[in-house]
PDB file of all heavy atoms in Angstrom:
ATOM      1  N   GLU A   1       6.218  13.907   7.803  1.00  0.00           N
ATOM      2  CA  GLU A   1       5.316  14.654   6.916  1.00  0.00           C
ATOM      3  C   GLU A   1       5.407  14.121   5.477  1.00  0.00           C
ATOM      4  O   GLU A   1       4.400  14.069   4.766  1.00  0.00           O
ATOM      5  CB  GLU A   1       5.648  16.128   6.954  1.00  0.00           C
ATOM      6  CG  GLU A   1       4.670  16.991   6.190  1.00  0.00           C
ATOM      7  CD  GLU A   1       4.974  18.483   6.344  1.00  0.00           C
ATOM      8  OE1 GLU A   1       5.618  18.856   7.340  1.00  0.00           O
ATOM      9  OE2 GLU A   1       4.524  19.274   5.480  1.00  0.00           O
ATOM     10  N   THR A   2       6.629  13.751   5.095  1.00  0.00           N
ATOM     11  CA  THR A   2       6.845  13.160   3.763  1.00  0.00           C
ATOM     12  C   THR A   2       7.749  11.935   3.915  1.00  0.00           C
ATOM     13  O   THR A   2       8.557  11.850   4.856  1.00  0.00           O
ATOM     14  CB  THR A   2       7.489  14.153   2.791  1.00  0.00           C
ATOM     15  OG1 THR A   2       8.760  14.579   3.305  1.00  0.00           O
ATOM     16  CG2 THR A   2       6.598  15.329   2.529  1.00  0.00           C
ATOM     17  N   TRP A   3       7.619  11.012   2.978  1.00  0.00           N
ATOM     18  CA  TRP A   3       8.448   9.813   2.944  1.00  0.00           C
ATOM     19  C   TRP A   3       9.166   9.742   1.588  1.00  0.00           C
ATOM     20  O   TRP A   3       8.578  10.074   0.560  1.00  0.00           O
ATOM     21  CB  TRP A   3       7.591   8.549   3.127  1.00  0.00           C
ATOM     22  CG  TRP A   3       6.925   8.471   4.456  1.00  0.00           C
ATOM     23  CD1 TRP A   3       5.687   8.958   4.794  1.00  0.00           C
ATOM     24  CD2 TRP A   3       7.467   7.887   5.647  1.00  0.00           C
ATOM     25  NE1 TRP A   3       5.402   8.691   6.101  1.00  0.00           N
ATOM     26  CE2 TRP A   3       6.486   8.036   6.673  1.00  0.00           C
ATOM     27  CE3 TRP A   3       8.643   7.244   5.953  1.00  0.00           C
ATOM     28  CZ2 TRP A   3       6.681   7.597   7.955  1.00  0.00           C
ATOM     29  CZ3 TRP A   3       8.839   6.776   7.255  1.00  0.00           C
ATOM     30  CH2 TRP A   3       7.865   6.943   8.233  1.00  0.00           C
ATOM     31  N   ASP A   4      10.405   9.267   1.617  1.00  0.00           N
ATOM     32  CA  ASP A   4      11.137   9.094   0.377  1.00  0.00           C
ATOM     33  C   ASP A   4      10.784   7.766  -0.303  1.00  0.00           C
ATOM     34  O   ASP A   4      10.682   7.694  -1.523  1.00  0.00           O
ATOM     35  CB  ASP A   4      12.648   9.157   0.630  1.00  0.00           C
ATOM     36  CG  ASP A   4      13.066  10.465   1.282  1.00  0.00           C
ATOM     37  OD1 ASP A   4      12.873  11.498   0.607  1.00  0.00           O
ATOM     38  OD2 ASP A   4      13.560  10.431   2.414  1.00  0.00           O
ATOM     39  N   LEU A   5      10.637   6.735   0.495  1.00  0.00           N
ATOM     40  CA  LEU A   5      10.400   5.379  -0.022  1.00  0.00           C
ATOM     41  C   LEU A   5       9.306   4.702   0.795  1.00  0.00           C
ATOM     42  O   LEU A   5       9.228   4.902   2.032  1.00  0.00           O
ATOM     43  CB  LEU A   5      11.654   4.519   0.044  1.00  0.00           C
ATOM     44  CG  LEU A   5      12.858   4.915  -0.817  1.00  0.00           C
ATOM     45  CD1 LEU A   5      14.102   4.174  -0.357  1.00  0.00           C
ATOM     46  CD2 LEU A   5      12.560   4.607  -2.274  1.00  0.00           C
ATOM     47  N   ALA A   6       8.479   3.933   0.154  1.00  0.00           N
ATOM     48  CA  ALA A   6       7.509   3.082   0.846  1.00  0.00           C
ATOM     49  C   ALA A   6       7.566   1.704   0.216  1.00  0.00           C
ATOM     50  O   ALA A   6       7.559   1.567  -1.008  1.00  0.00           O
ATOM     51  CB  ALA A   6       6.085   3.650   0.721  1.00  0.00           C
ATOM     52  N   LEU A   7       7.703   0.687   1.062  1.00  0.00           N
ATOM     53  CA  LEU A   7       7.776  -0.695   0.582  1.00  0.00           C
ATOM     54  C   LEU A   7       6.467  -1.379   0.841  1.00  0.00           C
ATOM     55  O   LEU A   7       5.989  -1.484   1.978  1.00  0.00           O
ATOM     56  CB  LEU A   7       8.921  -1.445   1.261  1.00  0.00           C
ATOM     57  CG  LEU A   7       9.044  -2.943   0.915  1.00  0.00           C
ATOM     58  CD1 LEU A   7       9.292  -3.131  -0.579  1.00  0.00           C
ATOM     59  CD2 LEU A   7      10.168  -3.582   1.724  1.00  0.00           C
ATOM     60  N   ASP A   8       5.875  -1.919  -0.208  1.00  0.00           N
ATOM     61  CA  ASP A   8       4.645  -2.709  -0.139  1.00  0.00           C
ATOM     62  C   ASP A   8       5.047  -4.185   0.023  1.00  0.00           C
ATOM     63  O   ASP A   8       5.390  -4.843  -0.963  1.00  0.00           O
ATOM     64  CB  ASP A   8       3.825  -2.503  -1.407  1.00  0.00           C
ATOM     65  CG  ASP A   8       2.687  -3.493  -1.559  1.00  0.00           C
ATOM     66  OD1 ASP A   8       2.285  -4.085  -0.515  1.00  0.00           O
ATOM     67  OD2 ASP A   8       2.203  -3.701  -2.681  1.00  0.00           O
ATOM     68  N   ALA A   9       5.001  -4.682   1.254  1.00  0.00           N
ATOM     69  CA  ALA A   9       5.202  -6.111   1.526  1.00  0.00           C
ATOM     70  C   ALA A   9       3.978  -6.660   2.225  1.00  0.00           C
ATOM     71  O   ALA A   9       4.073  -7.466   3.164  1.00  0.00           O
ATOM     72  CB  ALA A   9       6.463  -6.301   2.378  1.00  0.00           C
ATOM     73  N   VAL A  10       2.800  -6.236   1.780  1.00  0.00           N
ATOM     74  CA  VAL A  10       1.561  -6.593   2.422  1.00  0.00           C
ATOM     75  C   VAL A  10       1.089  -7.957   1.958  1.00  0.00           C
ATOM     76  O   VAL A  10       0.874  -8.863   2.769  1.00  0.00           O
ATOM     77  CB  VAL A  10       0.484  -5.529   2.149  1.00  0.00           C
ATOM     78  CG1 VAL A  10      -0.845  -5.910   2.790  1.00  0.00           C
ATOM     79  CG2 VAL A  10       0.949  -4.173   2.649  1.00  0.00           C
ATOM     80  N   LEU A  11       0.898  -8.129   0.640  1.00  0.00           N
ATOM     81  CA  LEU A  11       0.449  -9.399   0.107  1.00  0.00           C
ATOM     82  C   LEU A  11       1.352  -9.766  -1.057  1.00  0.00           C
ATOM     83  O   LEU A  11       1.713  -8.910  -1.870  1.00  0.00           O
ATOM     84  CB  LEU A  11      -1.006  -9.325  -0.389  1.00  0.00           C
ATOM     85  CG  LEU A  11      -2.089  -9.088   0.677  1.00  0.00           C
ATOM     86  CD1 LEU A  11      -3.447  -8.917  -0.006  1.00  0.00           C
ATOM     87  CD2 LEU A  11      -2.136 -10.237   1.671  1.00  0.00           C
ATOM     88  N   GLY A  12       1.683 -11.050  -1.186  1.00  0.00           N
ATOM     89  CA  GLY A  12       2.551 -11.510  -2.261  1.00  0.00           C
ATOM     90  C   GLY A  12       1.811 -12.295  -3.327  1.00  0.00           C
ATOM     91  O   GLY A  12       0.616 -12.121  -3.515  1.00  0.00           O
ATOM     92  N   THR A  13       2.552 -13.160  -4.001  1.00  0.00           N
ATOM     93  CA  THR A  13       1.981 -13.885  -5.122  1.00  0.00           C
ATOM     94  C   THR A  13       0.901 -14.883  -4.714  1.00  0.00           C
ATOM     95  O   THR A  13       0.067 -15.285  -5.521  1.00  0.00           O
ATOM     96  CB  THR A  13       3.068 -14.649  -5.893  1.00  0.00           C
ATOM     97  OG1 THR A  13       3.764 -15.499  -4.988  1.00  0.00           O
ATOM     98  CG2 THR A  13       4.035 -13.693  -6.535  1.00  0.00           C
ATOM     99  N   GLY A  14       0.916 -15.288  -3.445  1.00  0.00           N
ATOM    100  CA  GLY A  14      -0.055 -16.283  -3.001  1.00  0.00           C
ATOM    101  C   GLY A  14      -1.404 -15.719  -2.661  1.00  0.00           C
ATOM    102  O   GLY A  14      -2.344 -16.454  -2.402  1.00  0.00           O
ATOM    103  N   ALA A  15      -1.530 -14.379  -2.682  1.00  0.00           N
ATOM    104  CA  ALA A  15      -2.804 -13.764  -2.291  1.00  0.00           C
ATOM    105  C   ALA A  15      -3.863 -13.992  -3.347  1.00  0.00           C
ATOM    106  O   ALA A  15      -3.594 -14.048  -4.542  1.00  0.00           O
ATOM    107  CB  ALA A  15      -2.591 -12.278  -2.065  1.00  0.00           C
ATOM    108  N   ARG A  16      -5.111 -14.117  -2.883  1.00  0.00           N
ATOM    109  CA  ARG A  16      -6.250 -14.262  -3.795  1.00  0.00           C
ATOM    110  C   ARG A  16      -7.371 -13.357  -3.343  1.00  0.00           C
ATOM    111  O   ARG A  16      -7.573 -13.123  -2.157  1.00  0.00           O
ATOM    112  CB  ARG A  16      -6.730 -15.714  -3.802  1.00  0.00           C
ATOM    113  CG  ARG A  16      -5.712 -16.705  -4.359  1.00  0.00           C
ATOM    114  CD  ARG A  16      -6.252 -18.115  -4.322  1.00  0.00           C
ATOM    115  NE  ARG A  16      -5.290 -19.093  -4.831  1.00  0.00           N
ATOM    116  CZ  ARG A  16      -5.477 -20.402  -4.867  1.00  0.00           C
ATOM    117  NH1 ARG A  16      -6.606 -20.898  -4.385  1.00  0.00           N
ATOM    118  NH2 ARG A  16      -4.547 -21.214  -5.352  1.00  0.00           N
ATOM    119  N   GLY A  17      -8.105 -12.890  -4.320  1.00  0.00           N
ATOM    120  CA  GLY A  17      -9.283 -12.067  -3.998  1.00  0.00           C
ATOM    121  C   GLY A  17      -8.941 -10.633  -3.679  1.00  0.00           C
ATOM    122  O   GLY A  17      -7.800 -10.196  -3.720  1.00  0.00           O
ATOM    123  N   GLU A  18      -9.997  -9.924  -3.324  1.00  0.00           N
ATOM    124  CA  GLU A  18      -9.907  -8.479  -3.054  1.00  0.00           C
ATOM    125  C   GLU A  18      -9.321  -8.235  -1.667  1.00  0.00           C
ATOM    126  O   GLU A  18      -9.738  -8.855  -0.691  1.00  0.00           O
ATOM    127  CB  GLU A  18     -11.296  -7.887  -3.133  1.00  0.00           C
ATOM    128  CG  GLU A  18     -11.340  -6.388  -3.107  1.00  0.00           C
ATOM    129  CD  GLU A  18     -11.295  -5.790  -4.516  1.00  0.00           C
ATOM    130  OE1 GLU A  18     -11.465  -6.523  -5.493  1.00  0.00           O
ATOM    131  OE2 GLU A  18     -11.040  -4.584  -4.598  1.00  0.00           O
ATOM    132  N   PRO A  19      -8.295  -7.340  -1.513  1.00  0.00           N
ATOM    133  CA  PRO A  19      -7.855  -6.986  -0.157  1.00  0.00           C
ATOM    134  C   PRO A  19      -9.023  -6.411   0.641  1.00  0.00           C
ATOM    135  O   PRO A  19      -9.755  -5.543   0.137  1.00  0.00           O
ATOM    136  CB  PRO A  19      -6.774  -5.936  -0.431  1.00  0.00           C
ATOM    137  CG  PRO A  19      -6.305  -6.196  -1.819  1.00  0.00           C
ATOM    138  CD  PRO A  19      -7.521  -6.671  -2.557  1.00  0.00           C
ATOM    139  N   GLN A  20      -9.180  -6.901   1.852  1.00  0.00           N
ATOM    140  CA  GLN A  20     -10.311  -6.481   2.688  1.00  0.00           C
ATOM    141  C   GLN A  20      -9.819  -5.858   3.977  1.00  0.00           C
ATOM    142  O   GLN A  20      -8.696  -6.081   4.394  1.00  0.00           O
ATOM    143  CB  GLN A  20     -11.201  -7.690   3.021  1.00  0.00           C
ATOM    144  CG  GLN A  20     -11.787  -8.390   1.805  1.00  0.00           C
ATOM    145  CD  GLN A  20     -12.875  -7.606   1.110  1.00  0.00           C
ATOM    146  OE1 GLN A  20     -13.498  -6.716   1.723  1.00  0.00           O
ATOM    147  NE2 GLN A  20     -13.148  -7.924  -0.148  1.00  0.00           N
ATOM    148  N   GLY A  21     -10.678  -5.095   4.609  1.00  0.00           N
ATOM    149  CA  GLY A  21     -10.396  -4.568   5.933  1.00  0.00           C
ATOM    150  C   GLY A  21      -9.107  -3.767   5.997  1.00  0.00           C
ATOM    151  O   GLY A  21      -8.898  -2.837   5.218  1.00  0.00           O
ATOM    152  N   LEU A  22      -8.246  -4.128   6.947  1.00  0.00           N
ATOM    153  CA  LEU A  22      -7.001  -3.407   7.131  1.00  0.00           C
ATOM    154  C   LEU A  22      -6.095  -3.513   5.921  1.00  0.00           C
ATOM    155  O   LEU A  22      -5.313  -2.607   5.626  1.00  0.00           O
ATOM    156  CB  LEU A  22      -6.267  -3.961   8.369  1.00  0.00           C
ATOM    157  CG  LEU A  22      -6.625  -3.328   9.706  1.00  0.00           C
ATOM    158  CD1 LEU A  22      -5.883  -4.004  10.824  1.00  0.00           C
ATOM    159  CD2 LEU A  22      -6.331  -1.826   9.705  1.00  0.00           C
ATOM    160  N   LEU A  23      -6.159  -4.656   5.223  1.00  0.00           N
ATOM    161  CA  LEU A  23      -5.343  -4.793   4.020  1.00  0.00           C
ATOM    162  C   LEU A  23      -5.749  -3.750   2.978  1.00  0.00           C
ATOM    163  O   LEU A  23      -4.879  -3.161   2.314  1.00  0.00           O
ATOM    164  CB  LEU A  23      -5.506  -6.198   3.435  1.00  0.00           C
ATOM    165  CG  LEU A  23      -5.059  -7.363   4.355  1.00  0.00           C
ATOM    166  CD1 LEU A  23      -5.377  -8.689   3.687  1.00  0.00           C
ATOM    167  CD2 LEU A  23      -3.575  -7.240   4.646  1.00  0.00           C
ATOM    168  N   ALA A  24      -7.035  -3.516   2.835  1.00  0.00           N
ATOM    169  CA  ALA A  24      -7.507  -2.468   1.925  1.00  0.00           C
ATOM    170  C   ALA A  24      -7.065  -1.105   2.401  1.00  0.00           C
ATOM    171  O   ALA A  24      -6.709  -0.232   1.582  1.00  0.00           O
ATOM    172  CB  ALA A  24      -9.030  -2.549   1.777  1.00  0.00           C
ATOM    173  N   GLU A  25      -7.068  -0.886   3.708  1.00  0.00           N
ATOM    174  CA  GLU A  25      -6.583   0.392   4.251  1.00  0.00           C
ATOM    175  C   GLU A  25      -5.098   0.572   3.937  1.00  0.00           C
ATOM    176  O   GLU A  25      -4.667   1.711   3.634  1.00  0.00           O
ATOM    177  CB  GLU A  25      -6.801   0.436   5.765  1.00  0.00           C
ATOM    178  CG  GLU A  25      -8.256   0.404   6.216  1.00  0.00           C
ATOM    179  CD  GLU A  25      -8.977   1.721   5.968  1.00  0.00           C
ATOM    180  OE1 GLU A  25      -8.293   2.715   5.647  1.00  0.00           O
ATOM    181  OE2 GLU A  25     -10.196   1.731   6.113  1.00  0.00           O
ATOM    182  N   ALA A  26      -4.324  -0.505   4.006  1.00  0.00           N
ATOM    183  CA  ALA A  26      -2.902  -0.410   3.687  1.00  0.00           C
ATOM    184  C   ALA A  26      -2.704  -0.045   2.223  1.00  0.00           C
ATOM    185  O   ALA A  26      -1.848   0.775   1.863  1.00  0.00           O
ATOM    186  CB  ALA A  26      -2.198  -1.707   4.004  1.00  0.00           C
ATOM    187  N   VAL A  27      -3.503  -0.651   1.353  1.00  0.00           N
ATOM    188  CA  VAL A  27      -3.423  -0.327  -0.078  1.00  0.00           C
ATOM    189  C   VAL A  27      -3.747   1.166  -0.288  1.00  0.00           C
ATOM    190  O   VAL A  27      -3.036   1.886  -1.021  1.00  0.00           O
ATOM    191  CB  VAL A  27      -4.395  -1.178  -0.913  1.00  0.00           C
ATOM    192  CG1 VAL A  27      -4.505  -0.686  -2.332  1.00  0.00           C
ATOM    193  CG2 VAL A  27      -3.950  -2.639  -0.883  1.00  0.00           C
ATOM    194  N   GLN A  28      -4.787   1.637   0.384  1.00  0.00           N
ATOM    195  CA  GLN A  28      -5.183   3.042   0.241  1.00  0.00           C
ATOM    196  C   GLN A  28      -4.079   3.951   0.740  1.00  0.00           C
ATOM    197  O   GLN A  28      -3.778   4.995   0.124  1.00  0.00           O
ATOM    198  CB  GLN A  28      -6.478   3.308   1.018  1.00  0.00           C
ATOM    199  CG  GLN A  28      -6.982   4.721   0.942  1.00  0.00           C
ATOM    200  CD  GLN A  28      -7.363   5.175  -0.449  1.00  0.00           C
ATOM    201  OE1 GLN A  28      -7.620   4.344  -1.319  1.00  0.00           O
ATOM    202  NE2 GLN A  28      -7.384   6.495  -0.694  1.00  0.00           N
ATOM    203  N   ALA A  29      -3.429   3.593   1.850  1.00  0.00           N
ATOM    204  CA  ALA A  29      -2.344   4.405   2.378  1.00  0.00           C
ATOM    205  C   ALA A  29      -1.191   4.481   1.387  1.00  0.00           C
ATOM    206  O   ALA A  29      -0.580   5.568   1.182  1.00  0.00           O
ATOM    207  CB  ALA A  29      -1.866   3.835   3.719  1.00  0.00           C
ATOM    208  N   LEU A  30      -0.864   3.389   0.773  1.00  0.00           N
ATOM    209  CA  LEU A  30       0.207   3.356  -0.218  1.00  0.00           C
ATOM    210  C   LEU A  30      -0.148   4.173  -1.456  1.00  0.00           C
ATOM    211  O   LEU A  30       0.709   4.831  -2.081  1.00  0.00           O
ATOM    212  CB  LEU A  30       0.580   1.921  -0.586  1.00  0.00           C
ATOM    213  CG  LEU A  30       1.292   1.136   0.506  1.00  0.00           C
ATOM    214  CD1 LEU A  30       1.236  -0.368   0.243  1.00  0.00           C
ATOM    215  CD2 LEU A  30       2.749   1.583   0.628  1.00  0.00           C
ATOM    216  N   ARG A  31      -1.412   4.131  -1.870  1.00  0.00           N
ATOM    217  CA  ARG A  31      -1.876   4.937  -2.988  1.00  0.00           C
ATOM    218  C   ARG A  31      -1.725   6.439  -2.668  1.00  0.00           C
ATOM    219  O   ARG A  31      -1.291   7.229  -3.504  1.00  0.00           O
ATOM    220  CB  ARG A  31      -3.326   4.615  -3.327  1.00  0.00           C
ATOM    221  CG  ARG A  31      -3.546   3.240  -3.978  1.00  0.00           C
ATOM    222  CD  ARG A  31      -2.948   3.161  -5.368  1.00  0.00           C
ATOM    223  NE  ARG A  31      -3.561   4.068  -6.312  1.00  0.00           N
ATOM    224  CZ  ARG A  31      -4.412   3.698  -7.244  1.00  0.00           C
ATOM    225  NH1 ARG A  31      -4.795   2.429  -7.348  1.00  0.00           N
ATOM    226  NH2 ARG A  31      -4.902   4.576  -8.083  1.00  0.00           N
ATOM    227  N   GLN A  32      -2.050   6.808  -1.448  1.00  0.00           N
ATOM    228  CA  GLN A  32      -1.951   8.213  -1.052  1.00  0.00           C
ATOM    229  C   GLN A  32      -0.488   8.647  -0.987  1.00  0.00           C
ATOM    230  O   GLN A  32      -0.150   9.783  -1.367  1.00  0.00           O
ATOM    231  CB  GLN A  32      -2.666   8.423   0.296  1.00  0.00           C
ATOM    232  CG  GLN A  32      -4.177   8.326   0.178  1.00  0.00           C
ATOM    233  CD  GLN A  32      -4.861   8.327   1.529  1.00  0.00           C
ATOM    234  OE1 GLN A  32      -4.243   8.111   2.584  1.00  0.00           O
ATOM    235  NE2 GLN A  32      -6.174   8.568   1.526  1.00  0.00           N
ATOM    236  N   LEU A  33       0.375   7.769  -0.506  1.00  0.00           N
ATOM    237  CA  LEU A  33       1.811   8.074  -0.508  1.00  0.00           C
ATOM    238  C   LEU A  33       2.335   8.263  -1.937  1.00  0.00           C
ATOM    239  O   LEU A  33       3.114   9.176  -2.202  1.00  0.00           O
ATOM    240  CB  LEU A  33       2.591   6.970   0.207  1.00  0.00           C
ATOM    241  CG  LEU A  33       2.438   6.909   1.723  1.00  0.00           C
ATOM    242  CD1 LEU A  33       3.052   5.600   2.262  1.00  0.00           C
ATOM    243  CD2 LEU A  33       3.117   8.117   2.379  1.00  0.00           C
ATOM    244  N   ASP A  34       1.849   7.420  -2.822  1.00  0.00           N
ATOM    245  CA  ASP A  34       2.235   7.519  -4.235  1.00  0.00           C
ATOM    246  C   ASP A  34       1.819   8.895  -4.772  1.00  0.00           C
ATOM    247  O   ASP A  34       2.605   9.586  -5.444  1.00  0.00           O
ATOM    248  CB  ASP A  34       1.569   6.399  -5.033  1.00  0.00           C
ATOM    249  CG  ASP A  34       1.811   6.510  -6.501  1.00  0.00           C
ATOM    250  OD1 ASP A  34       2.936   6.864  -6.899  1.00  0.00           O
ATOM    251  OD2 ASP A  34       0.882   6.229  -7.282  1.00  0.00           O
ATOM    252  N   GLU A  35       0.565   9.310  -4.476  1.00  0.00           N
ATOM    253  CA  GLU A  35       0.086  10.600  -4.960  1.00  0.00           C
ATOM    254  C   GLU A  35       0.850  11.746  -4.348  1.00  0.00           C
ATOM    255  O   GLU A  35       0.949  12.831  -4.965  1.00  0.00           O
ATOM    256  CB  GLU A  35      -1.405  10.715  -4.664  1.00  0.00           C
ATOM    257  CG  GLU A  35      -2.268   9.749  -5.471  1.00  0.00           C
ATOM    258  CD  GLU A  35      -3.671   9.598  -4.938  1.00  0.00           C
ATOM    259  OE1 GLU A  35      -4.011  10.298  -3.922  1.00  0.00           O
ATOM    260  OE2 GLU A  35      -4.460   8.790  -5.490  1.00  0.00           O
ATOM    261  N   ALA A  36       1.423  11.551  -3.173  1.00  0.00           N
ATOM    262  CA  ALA A  36       2.197  12.609  -2.515  1.00  0.00           C
ATOM    263  C   ALA A  36       3.662  12.652  -3.000  1.00  0.00           C
ATOM    264  O   ALA A  36       4.423  13.506  -2.542  1.00  0.00           O
ATOM    265  CB  ALA A  36       2.179  12.414  -1.010  1.00  0.00           C
ATOM    266  N   GLY A  37       4.014  11.746  -3.903  1.00  0.00           N
ATOM    267  CA  GLY A  37       5.368  11.780  -4.467  1.00  0.00           C
ATOM    268  C   GLY A  37       6.334  10.773  -3.893  1.00  0.00           C
ATOM    269  O   GLY A  37       7.524  10.758  -4.264  1.00  0.00           O
ATOM    270  N   THR A  38       5.869   9.906  -2.988  1.00  0.00           N
ATOM    271  CA  THR A  38       6.743   8.883  -2.423  1.00  0.00           C
ATOM    272  C   THR A  38       6.992   7.793  -3.472  1.00  0.00           C
ATOM    273  O   THR A  38       6.072   7.406  -4.200  1.00  0.00           O
ATOM    274  CB  THR A  38       6.082   8.231  -1.198  1.00  0.00           C
ATOM    275  OG1 THR A  38       5.805   9.244  -0.248  1.00  0.00           O
ATOM    276  CG2 THR A  38       7.003   7.187  -0.555  1.00  0.00           C
ATOM    277  N   ARG A  39       8.224   7.320  -3.556  1.00  0.00           N
ATOM    278  CA  ARG A  39       8.506   6.203  -4.454  1.00  0.00           C
ATOM    279  C   ARG A  39       8.018   4.927  -3.825  1.00  0.00           C
ATOM    280  O   ARG A  39       8.386   4.578  -2.705  1.00  0.00           O
ATOM    281  CB  ARG A  39      10.013   6.121  -4.741  1.00  0.00           C
ATOM    282  CG  ARG A  39      10.501   7.193  -5.712  1.00  0.00           C
ATOM    283  CD  ARG A  39      11.999   7.220  -5.783  1.00  0.00           C
ATOM    284  NE  ARG A  39      12.453   8.062  -6.883  1.00  0.00           N
ATOM    285  CZ  ARG A  39      13.660   8.626  -6.955  1.00  0.00           C
ATOM    286  NH1 ARG A  39      14.546   8.415  -5.991  1.00  0.00           N
ATOM    287  NH2 ARG A  39      14.003   9.365  -7.992  1.00  0.00           N
TER     288      ARG A  39
END
């Protein structure tokens, strides 16, 4: 129901352009976890 920590290891320094598709979904999920208080 809640998470203490979330690690973003989706895209690194080599990434270019806008995250698309599932990558964008992962970004959105991490944003929602952030809003819920997850570090």
